[in-house]
């Protein structure tokens, strides 16, 4: 809930953060914790980190197939990086990949939750759970030996998020949560259909990258922000 400052100049800071919250919520509508942060008065911001540039380079995820008869894949492990775009691309690849031949639905769900920030007020595990096939669907997929692999093409900060940072660059220095939009392709195969099919994918993620910690996932947005 928003807190009102009793110090001179506090009201203007609250108004700036409220404006920023309005813009960012267009992108991060599901993150109530982040919204509360952006609309409350805080201490003087620390030195603002320079966000990394947009990353248009084509990049294959570790789960990308090496051939139609690819071997079962291990559970996804988060990378150690301080680059929100690099982390967002890795997280998207993990969310778009699964292998019913190698592990169970609860094991995948637990592994993906391991990508989340340990700061409970920002983490949105429900948004990650929604990406994982249900137990019933998983059972049907497993009967056919179905698996999916992903290739990530590009990752960038959404336009609304970039504009919000430009308007008040110091606002991010408490939560250090970035919005990252990732695009790529998901390929699906199963027994009797080794070639499978493929479709384009895109998602917007919230990624936390504090200066003294590796990045972590905050949540998956309900819609894609350009």
Foldseek 3Di string as FASTA:
>chain_A
DADQDPDPPRVVQLVLLLVLLVLCCVVVVPFPLVSNLSNYGDDDFDDFDDADAWWQAWFFAPQDAPFLPGDDDDADDQDFALHQQVRVQNLVQNLLWDWLQPDALVVNLVRNVVLADPPVSQADSVQSNVSGDDNVVSVVCSVFRKIKGWTWRTKHAFPSQVVSCVSPVRSCRPQQKTKMKTKTKMAMATPPGSRGDMDIDMWIFIWHRHPVGGIGTRHTDPDGGD
